[in-house]
PDB file of all heavy atoms in Angstrom:
ATOM      1  N   ASP A   1      88.463  86.482 123.316  1.00  0.00           N
ATOM      2  CA  ASP A   1      89.883  86.213 123.565  1.00  0.00           C
ATOM      3  C   ASP A   1      90.583  85.593 122.362  1.00  0.00           C
ATOM      4  O   ASP A   1      91.735  85.166 122.473  1.00  0.00           O
ATOM      5  CB  ASP A   1      90.029  85.279 124.774  1.00  0.00           C
ATOM      6  CG  ASP A   1      89.561  85.930 126.067  1.00  0.00           C
ATOM      7  OD1 ASP A   1      89.696  87.164 126.174  1.00  0.00           O
ATOM      8  OD2 ASP A   1      89.048  85.212 126.948  1.00  0.00           O
ATOM      9  N   THR A   2      89.901  85.566 121.233  1.00  0.00           N
ATOM     10  CA  THR A   2      90.499  84.891 120.072  1.00  0.00           C
ATOM     11  C   THR A   2      91.367  85.804 119.225  1.00  0.00           C
ATOM     12  O   THR A   2      92.009  85.345 118.275  1.00  0.00           O
ATOM     13  CB  THR A   2      89.406  84.283 119.172  1.00  0.00           C
ATOM     14  OG1 THR A   2      88.636  85.330 118.579  1.00  0.00           O
ATOM     15  CG2 THR A   2      88.496  83.355 119.976  1.00  0.00           C
ATOM     16  N   MET A   3      91.375  87.099 119.524  1.00  0.00           N
ATOM     17  CA  MET A   3      92.190  88.045 118.761  1.00  0.00           C
ATOM     18  C   MET A   3      93.065  88.860 119.707  1.00  0.00           C
ATOM     19  O   MET A   3      92.609  89.299 120.767  1.00  0.00           O
ATOM     20  CB  MET A   3      91.309  89.000 117.951  1.00  0.00           C
ATOM     21  CG  MET A   3      90.626  88.363 116.755  1.00  0.00           C
ATOM     22  SD  MET A   3      91.750  87.979 115.383  1.00  0.00           S
ATOM     23  CE  MET A   3      92.061  89.629 114.752  1.00  0.00           C
ATOM     24  N   GLY A   4      94.312  89.073 119.290  1.00  0.00           N
ATOM     25  CA  GLY A   4      95.201  89.957 120.025  1.00  0.00           C
ATOM     26  C   GLY A   4      95.080  91.388 119.527  1.00  0.00           C
ATOM     27  O   GLY A   4      94.416  91.669 118.520  1.00  0.00           O
ATOM     28  N   TRP A   5      95.729  92.308 120.212  1.00  0.00           N
ATOM     29  CA  TRP A   5      95.707  93.726 119.836  1.00  0.00           C
ATOM     30  C   TRP A   5      97.022  94.360 120.237  1.00  0.00           C
ATOM     31  O   TRP A   5      97.527  94.128 121.348  1.00  0.00           O
ATOM     32  CB  TRP A   5      94.550  94.435 120.537  1.00  0.00           C
ATOM     33  CG  TRP A   5      94.358  95.881 120.153  1.00  0.00           C
ATOM     34  CD1 TRP A   5      93.592  96.362 119.142  1.00  0.00           C
ATOM     35  CD2 TRP A   5      94.943  97.033 120.779  1.00  0.00           C
ATOM     36  NE1 TRP A   5      93.651  97.733 119.076  1.00  0.00           N
ATOM     37  CE2 TRP A   5      94.487  98.181 120.078  1.00  0.00           C
ATOM     38  CE3 TRP A   5      95.819  97.212 121.857  1.00  0.00           C
ATOM     39  CZ2 TRP A   5      94.859  99.481 120.423  1.00  0.00           C
ATOM     40  CZ3 TRP A   5      96.199  98.508 122.199  1.00  0.00           C
ATOM     41  CH2 TRP A   5      95.722  99.622 121.483  1.00  0.00           C
ATOM     42  N   VAL A   6      97.612  95.134 119.344  1.00  0.00           N
ATOM     43  CA  VAL A   6      98.816  95.893 119.677  1.00  0.00           C
ATOM     44  C   VAL A   6      98.574  97.344 119.284  1.00  0.00           C
ATOM     45  O   VAL A   6      97.911  97.618 118.276  1.00  0.00           O
ATOM     46  CB  VAL A   6     100.087  95.347 118.974  1.00  0.00           C
ATOM     47  CG1 VAL A   6     100.386  93.918 119.405  1.00  0.00           C
ATOM     48  CG2 VAL A   6      99.963  95.434 117.460  1.00  0.00           C
ATOM     49  N   PRO A   7      99.079  98.285 120.063  1.00  0.00           N
ATOM     50  CA  PRO A   7      98.863  99.695 119.741  1.00  0.00           C
ATOM     51  C   PRO A   7      99.639 100.109 118.505  1.00  0.00           C
ATOM     52  O   PRO A   7     100.537  99.404 118.038  1.00  0.00           O
ATOM     53  CB  PRO A   7      99.372 100.423 120.990  1.00  0.00           C
ATOM     54  CG  PRO A   7     100.377  99.491 121.581  1.00  0.00           C
ATOM     55  CD  PRO A   7      99.872  98.106 121.292  1.00  0.00           C
ATOM     56  N   TRP A   8      99.286 101.308 117.952  1.00  0.00           N
ATOM     57  CA  TRP A   8      99.963 101.818 116.766  1.00  0.00           C
ATOM     58  C   TRP A   8     101.469 101.888 116.967  1.00  0.00           C
ATOM     59  O   TRP A   8     101.958 102.336 118.004  1.00  0.00           O
ATOM     60  CB  TRP A   8      99.457 103.214 116.402  1.00  0.00           C
ATOM     61  CG  TRP A   8     100.477 103.964 115.562  1.00  0.00           C
ATOM     62  CD1 TRP A   8     101.334 104.937 115.985  1.00  0.00           C
ATOM     63  CD2 TRP A   8     100.776 103.739 114.178  1.00  0.00           C
ATOM     64  NE1 TRP A   8     102.144 105.353 114.950  1.00  0.00           N
ATOM     65  CE2 TRP A   8     101.825 104.626 113.824  1.00  0.00           C
ATOM     66  CE3 TRP A   8     100.266 102.883 113.212  1.00  0.00           C
ATOM     67  CZ2 TRP A   8     102.366 104.696 112.553  1.00  0.00           C
ATOM     68  CZ3 TRP A   8     100.807 102.951 111.933  1.00  0.00           C
ATOM     69  CH2 TRP A   8     101.833 103.830 111.606  1.00  0.00           C
ATOM     70  N   GLN A   9     102.172 101.413 115.982  1.00  0.00           N
ATOM     71  CA  GLN A   9     103.615 101.594 115.905  1.00  0.00           C
ATOM     72  C   GLN A   9     104.025 101.537 114.448  1.00  0.00           C
ATOM     73  O   GLN A   9     103.455 100.771 113.671  1.00  0.00           O
ATOM     74  CB  GLN A   9     104.354 100.508 116.695  1.00  0.00           C
ATOM     75  CG  GLN A   9     105.854 100.768 116.782  1.00  0.00           C
ATOM     76  CD  GLN A   9     106.506  99.915 117.861  1.00  0.00           C
ATOM     77  OE1 GLN A   9     106.042  99.890 119.002  1.00  0.00           O
ATOM     78  NE2 GLN A   9     107.549  99.213 117.496  1.00  0.00           N
ATOM     79  N   ARG A  10     104.978 102.347 114.091  1.00  0.00           N
ATOM     80  CA  ARG A  10     105.455 102.363 112.713  1.00  0.00           C
ATOM     81  C   ARG A  10     105.965 100.978 112.340  1.00  0.00           C
ATOM     82  O   ARG A  10     106.642 100.319 113.144  1.00  0.00           O
ATOM     83  CB  ARG A  10     106.575 103.395 112.567  1.00  0.00           C
ATOM     84  CG  ARG A  10     106.979 103.661 111.138  1.00  0.00           C
ATOM     85  CD  ARG A  10     107.989 104.789 111.045  1.00  0.00           C
ATOM     86  NE  ARG A  10     109.295 104.420 111.573  1.00  0.00           N
ATOM     87  CZ  ARG A  10     110.394 105.163 111.444  1.00  0.00           C
ATOM     88  NH1 ARG A  10     110.336 106.333 110.844  1.00  0.00           N
ATOM     89  NH2 ARG A  10     111.530 104.755 111.957  1.00  0.00           N
ATOM     90  N   PRO A  11     105.676 100.475 111.122  1.00  0.00           N
ATOM     91  CA  PRO A  11     106.172  99.158 110.703  1.00  0.00           C
ATOM     92  C   PRO A  11     107.694  99.078 110.819  1.00  0.00           C
ATOM     93  O   PRO A  11     108.403 100.057 110.579  1.00  0.00           O
ATOM     94  CB  PRO A  11     105.725  99.066 109.247  1.00  0.00           C
ATOM     95  CG  PRO A  11     104.552  99.981 109.154  1.00  0.00           C
ATOM     96  CD  PRO A  11     104.840 101.108 110.095  1.00  0.00           C
ATOM     97  N   GLY A  12     108.183  97.909 111.170  1.00  0.00           N
ATOM     98  CA  GLY A  12     109.618  97.714 111.307  1.00  0.00           C
ATOM     99  C   GLY A  12     109.904  96.531 112.219  1.00  0.00           C
ATOM    100  O   GLY A  12     109.007  95.757 112.591  1.00  0.00           O
ATOM    101  N   PHE A  13     111.141  96.392 112.607  1.00  0.00           N
ATOM    102  CA  PHE A  13     111.557  95.223 113.384  1.00  0.00           C
ATOM    103  C   PHE A  13     110.892  95.198 114.756  1.00  0.00           C
ATOM    104  O   PHE A  13     110.463  94.143 115.234  1.00  0.00           O
ATOM    105  CB  PHE A  13     113.082  95.208 113.539  1.00  0.00           C
ATOM    106  CG  PHE A  13     113.640  93.850 113.826  1.00  0.00           C
ATOM    107  CD1 PHE A  13     113.945  92.981 112.797  1.00  0.00           C
ATOM    108  CD2 PHE A  13     113.836  93.423 115.130  1.00  0.00           C
ATOM    109  CE1 PHE A  13     114.444  91.714 113.053  1.00  0.00           C
ATOM    110  CE2 PHE A  13     114.330  92.155 115.400  1.00  0.00           C
ATOM    111  CZ  PHE A  13     114.637  91.296 114.361  1.00  0.00           C
ATOM    112  N   ASP A  14     110.790  96.356 115.382  1.00  0.00           N
ATOM    113  CA  ASP A  14     110.198  96.373 116.723  1.00  0.00           C
ATOM    114  C   ASP A  14     108.729  95.972 116.696  1.00  0.00           C
ATOM    115  O   ASP A  14     108.245  95.324 117.629  1.00  0.00           O
ATOM    116  CB  ASP A  14     110.347  97.754 117.361  1.00  0.00           C
ATOM    117  CG  ASP A  14     110.058  97.706 118.851  1.00  0.00           C
ATOM    118  OD1 ASP A  14     110.895  97.164 119.595  1.00  0.00           O
ATOM    119  OD2 ASP A  14     108.980  98.184 119.265  1.00  0.00           O
ATOM    120  N   LEU A  15     108.017  96.352 115.635  1.00  0.00           N
ATOM    121  CA  LEU A  15     106.623  95.929 115.535  1.00  0.00           C
ATOM    122  C   LEU A  15     106.544  94.413 115.419  1.00  0.00           C
ATOM    123  O   LEU A  15     105.642  93.782 115.974  1.00  0.00           O
ATOM    124  CB  LEU A  15     105.941  96.600 114.343  1.00  0.00           C
ATOM    125  CG  LEU A  15     104.452  96.294 114.164  1.00  0.00           C
ATOM    126  CD1 LEU A  15     103.660  96.633 115.419  1.00  0.00           C
ATOM    127  CD2 LEU A  15     103.878  97.042 112.963  1.00  0.00           C
ATOM    128  N   GLY A  16     107.514  93.804 114.720  1.00  0.00           N
ATOM    129  CA  GLY A  16     107.578  92.341 114.667  1.00  0.00           C
ATOM    130  C   GLY A  16     107.752  91.741 116.052  1.00  0.00           C
ATOM    131  O   GLY A  16     107.119  90.734 116.396  1.00  0.00           O
ATOM    132  N   LEU A  17     108.591  92.381 116.881  1.00  0.00           N
ATOM    133  CA  LEU A  17     108.777  91.915 118.257  1.00  0.00           C
ATOM    134  C   LEU A  17     107.491  92.059 119.060  1.00  0.00           C
ATOM    135  O   LEU A  17     107.165  91.204 119.902  1.00  0.00           O
ATOM    136  CB  LEU A  17     109.906  92.698 118.919  1.00  0.00           C
ATOM    137  CG  LEU A  17     111.322  92.484 118.355  1.00  0.00           C
ATOM    138  CD1 LEU A  17     112.305  93.442 119.013  1.00  0.00           C
ATOM    139  CD2 LEU A  17     111.773  91.037 118.561  1.00  0.00           C
ATOM    140  N   GLN A  18     106.734  93.149 118.809  1.00  0.00           N
ATOM    141  CA  GLN A  18     105.472  93.351 119.514  1.00  0.00           C
ATOM    142  C   GLN A  18     104.445  92.276 119.137  1.00  0.00           C
ATOM    143  O   GLN A  18     103.687  91.802 119.992  1.00  0.00           O
ATOM    144  CB  GLN A  18     104.914  94.739 119.203  1.00  0.00           C
ATOM    145  CG  GLN A  18     105.776  95.901 119.661  1.00  0.00           C
ATOM    146  CD  GLN A  18     106.071  95.874 121.139  1.00  0.00           C
ATOM    147  OE1 GLN A  18     105.186  95.577 121.945  1.00  0.00           O
ATOM    148  NE2 GLN A  18     107.311  96.160 121.505  1.00  0.00           N
ATOM    149  N   LEU A  19     104.436  91.894 117.851  1.00  0.00           N
ATOM    150  CA  LEU A  19     103.530  90.816 117.426  1.00  0.00           C
ATOM    151  C   LEU A  19     103.925  89.504 118.088  1.00  0.00           C
ATOM    152  O   LEU A  19     103.061  88.733 118.542  1.00  0.00           O
ATOM    153  CB  LEU A  19     103.567  90.671 115.902  1.00  0.00           C
ATOM    154  CG  LEU A  19     103.039  91.847 115.072  1.00  0.00           C
ATOM    155  CD1 LEU A  19     103.148  91.522 113.585  1.00  0.00           C
ATOM    156  CD2 LEU A  19     101.602  92.188 115.422  1.00  0.00           C
ATOM    157  N   GLU A  20     105.209  89.227 118.132  1.00  0.00           N
ATOM    158  CA  GLU A  20     105.708  88.001 118.767  1.00  0.00           C
ATOM    159  C   GLU A  20     105.310  87.963 120.242  1.00  0.00           C
ATOM    160  O   GLU A  20     104.843  86.942 120.756  1.00  0.00           O
ATOM    161  CB  GLU A  20     107.224  87.931 118.620  1.00  0.00           C
ATOM    162  CG  GLU A  20     107.844  86.652 119.175  1.00  0.00           C
ATOM    163  CD  GLU A  20     109.360  86.672 119.056  1.00  0.00           C
ATOM    164  OE1 GLU A  20     109.990  87.676 119.483  1.00  0.00           O
ATOM    165  OE2 GLU A  20     109.921  85.686 118.551  1.00  0.00           O
ATOM    166  N   LYS A  21     105.461  89.094 120.931  1.00  0.00           N
ATOM    167  CA  LYS A  21     105.098  89.163 122.350  1.00  0.00           C
ATOM    168  C   LYS A  21     103.601  88.977 122.545  1.00  0.00           C
ATOM    169  O   LYS A  21     103.151  88.273 123.470  1.00  0.00           O
ATOM    170  CB  LYS A  21     105.533  90.503 122.932  1.00  0.00           C
ATOM    171  CG  LYS A  21     105.230  90.682 124.424  1.00  0.00           C
ATOM    172  CD  LYS A  21     105.717  92.029 124.926  1.00  0.00           C
ATOM    173  CE  LYS A  21     105.515  92.150 126.435  1.00  0.00           C
ATOM    174  NZ  LYS A  21     104.107  91.984 126.845  1.00  0.00           N
ATOM    175  N   CYS A  22     102.800  89.616 121.667  1.00  0.00           N
ATOM    176  CA  CYS A  22     101.346  89.487 121.763  1.00  0.00           C
ATOM    177  C   CYS A  22     100.920  88.024 121.637  1.00  0.00           C
ATOM    178  O   CYS A  22     100.065  87.554 122.388  1.00  0.00           O
ATOM    179  CB  CYS A  22     100.680  90.330 120.688  1.00  0.00           C
ATOM    180  SG  CYS A  22      98.875  90.286 120.710  1.00  0.00           S
ATOM    181  N   LEU A  23     101.550  87.313 120.725  1.00  0.00           N
ATOM    182  CA  LEU A  23     101.226  85.892 120.544  1.00  0.00           C
ATOM    183  C   LEU A  23     101.645  85.083 121.761  1.00  0.00           C
ATOM    184  O   LEU A  23     100.897  84.208 122.236  1.00  0.00           O
ATOM    185  CB  LEU A  23     101.913  85.361 119.284  1.00  0.00           C
ATOM    186  CG  LEU A  23     101.702  83.874 118.981  1.00  0.00           C
ATOM    187  CD1 LEU A  23     100.227  83.575 118.714  1.00  0.00           C
ATOM    188  CD2 LEU A  23     102.553  83.451 117.786  1.00  0.00           C
ATOM    189  N   ASN A  24     102.835  85.365 122.294  1.00  0.00           N
ATOM    190  CA  ASN A  24     103.309  84.627 123.476  1.00  0.00           C
ATOM    191  C   ASN A  24     102.420  84.885 124.685  1.00  0.00           C
ATOM    192  O   ASN A  24     102.196  83.983 125.512  1.00  0.00           O
ATOM    193  CB  ASN A  24     104.754  85.025 123.790  1.00  0.00           C
ATOM    194  CG  ASN A  24     105.730  84.528 122.737  1.00  0.00           C
ATOM    195  OD1 ASN A  24     105.450  83.578 122.015  1.00  0.00           O
ATOM    196  ND2 ASN A  24     106.876  85.184 122.638  1.00  0.00           N
ATOM    197  N   ASP A  25     101.911  86.118 124.774  1.00  0.00           N
ATOM    198  CA  ASP A  25     101.037  86.456 125.902  1.00  0.00           C
ATOM    199  C   ASP A  25      99.625  85.926 125.728  1.00  0.00           C
ATOM    200  O   ASP A  25      98.868  85.831 126.712  1.00  0.00           O
ATOM    201  CB  ASP A  25     100.972  87.980 126.077  1.00  0.00           C
ATOM    202  CG  ASP A  25     102.292  88.590 126.532  1.00  0.00           C
ATOM    203  OD1 ASP A  25     103.160  87.823 126.984  1.00  0.00           O
ATOM    204  OD2 ASP A  25     102.442  89.825 126.405  1.00  0.00           O
ATOM    205  N   ASN A  26      99.266  85.612 124.488  1.00  0.00           N
ATOM    206  CA  ASN A  26      97.898  85.169 124.191  1.00  0.00           C
ATOM    207  C   ASN A  26      97.934  83.937 123.285  1.00  0.00           C
ATOM    208  O   ASN A  26      97.478  83.989 122.132  1.00  0.00           O
ATOM    209  CB  ASN A  26      97.105  86.282 123.515  1.00  0.00           C
ATOM    210  CG  ASN A  26      97.034  87.553 124.338  1.00  0.00           C
ATOM    211  OD1 ASN A  26      96.197  87.685 125.220  1.00  0.00           O
ATOM    212  ND2 ASN A  26      97.938  88.492 124.052  1.00  0.00           N
ATOM    213  N   PRO A  27      98.481  82.831 123.753  1.00  0.00           N
ATOM    214  CA  PRO A  27      98.583  81.646 122.894  1.00  0.00           C
ATOM    215  C   PRO A  27      97.201  81.168 122.444  1.00  0.00           C
ATOM    216  O   PRO A  27      96.227  81.252 123.189  1.00  0.00           O
ATOM    217  CB  PRO A  27      99.262  80.625 123.807  1.00  0.00           C
ATOM    218  CG  PRO A  27      99.001  81.087 125.198  1.00  0.00           C
ATOM    219  CD  PRO A  27      98.959  82.571 125.121  1.00  0.00           C
ATOM    220  N   GLY A  28      97.129  80.711 121.207  1.00  0.00           N
ATOM    221  CA  GLY A  28      95.861  80.199 120.689  1.00  0.00           C
ATOM    222  C   GLY A  28      95.022  81.220 119.952  1.00  0.00           C
ATOM    223  O   GLY A  28      93.973  80.874 119.391  1.00  0.00           O
ATOM    224  N   ILE A  29      95.454  82.497 119.898  1.00  0.00           N
ATOM    225  CA  ILE A  29      94.677  83.507 119.161  1.00  0.00           C
ATOM    226  C   ILE A  29      94.750  83.228 117.663  1.00  0.00           C
ATOM    227  O   ILE A  29      95.685  82.587 117.177  1.00  0.00           O
ATOM    228  CB  ILE A  29      95.158  84.938 119.468  1.00  0.00           C
ATOM    229  CG1 ILE A  29      96.658  85.092 119.189  1.00  0.00           C
ATOM    230  CG2 ILE A  29      94.815  85.331 120.899  1.00  0.00           C
ATOM    231  CD1 ILE A  29      97.184  86.508 119.377  1.00  0.00           C
ATOM    232  N   ARG A  30      93.773  83.727 116.934  1.00  0.00           N
ATOM    233  CA  ARG A  30      93.704  83.491 115.492  1.00  0.00           C
ATOM    234  C   ARG A  30      94.238  84.660 114.673  1.00  0.00           C
ATOM    235  O   ARG A  30      94.356  84.565 113.450  1.00  0.00           O
ATOM    236  CB  ARG A  30      92.263  83.210 115.085  1.00  0.00           C
ATOM    237  CG  ARG A  30      91.326  84.400 115.267  1.00  0.00           C
ATOM    238  CD  ARG A  30      89.860  84.028 115.070  1.00  0.00           C
ATOM    239  NE  ARG A  30      89.598  83.497 113.743  1.00  0.00           N
ATOM    240  CZ  ARG A  30      88.391  83.115 113.324  1.00  0.00           C
ATOM    241  NH1 ARG A  30      87.347  83.227 114.150  1.00  0.00           N
ATOM    242  NH2 ARG A  30      88.222  82.646 112.120  1.00  0.00           N
ATOM    243  N   GLY A  31      94.535  85.766 115.346  1.00  0.00           N
ATOM    244  CA  GLY A  31      95.029  86.928 114.634  1.00  0.00           C
ATOM    245  C   GLY A  31      95.296  88.081 115.575  1.00  0.00           C
ATOM    246  O   GLY A  31      95.071  87.979 116.790  1.00  0.00           O
ATOM    247  N   ILE A  32      95.786  89.183 115.009  1.00  0.00           N
ATOM    248  CA  ILE A  32      96.114  90.368 115.804  1.00  0.00           C
ATOM    249  C   ILE A  32      95.640  91.607 115.056  1.00  0.00           C
ATOM    250  O   ILE A  32      95.891  91.754 113.856  1.00  0.00           O
ATOM    251  CB  ILE A  32      97.635  90.478 116.058  1.00  0.00           C
ATOM    252  CG1 ILE A  32      98.148  89.247 116.830  1.00  0.00           C
ATOM    253  CG2 ILE A  32      97.973  91.756 116.819  1.00  0.00           C
ATOM    254  CD1 ILE A  32      99.667  89.208 116.957  1.00  0.00           C
ATOM    255  N   VAL A  33      94.970  92.504 115.784  1.00  0.00           N
ATOM    256  CA  VAL A  33      94.606  93.805 115.244  1.00  0.00           C
ATOM    257  C   VAL A  33      95.728  94.781 115.568  1.00  0.00           C
ATOM    258  O   VAL A  33      96.166  94.880 116.719  1.00  0.00           O
ATOM    259  CB  VAL A  33      93.279  94.313 115.852  1.00  0.00           C
ATOM    260  CG1 VAL A  33      92.987  95.730 115.378  1.00  0.00           C
ATOM    261  CG2 VAL A  33      92.132  93.381 115.464  1.00  0.00           C
TER     262      VAL A  33
END
């Protein structure tokens, strides 16, 4: 549970939002794949 994961998406603003959501859904993770 120490790493988050987000599906493929082209780099851009929405991917930043997906990273933000992944962190909010998984507080305390050390990184995201």
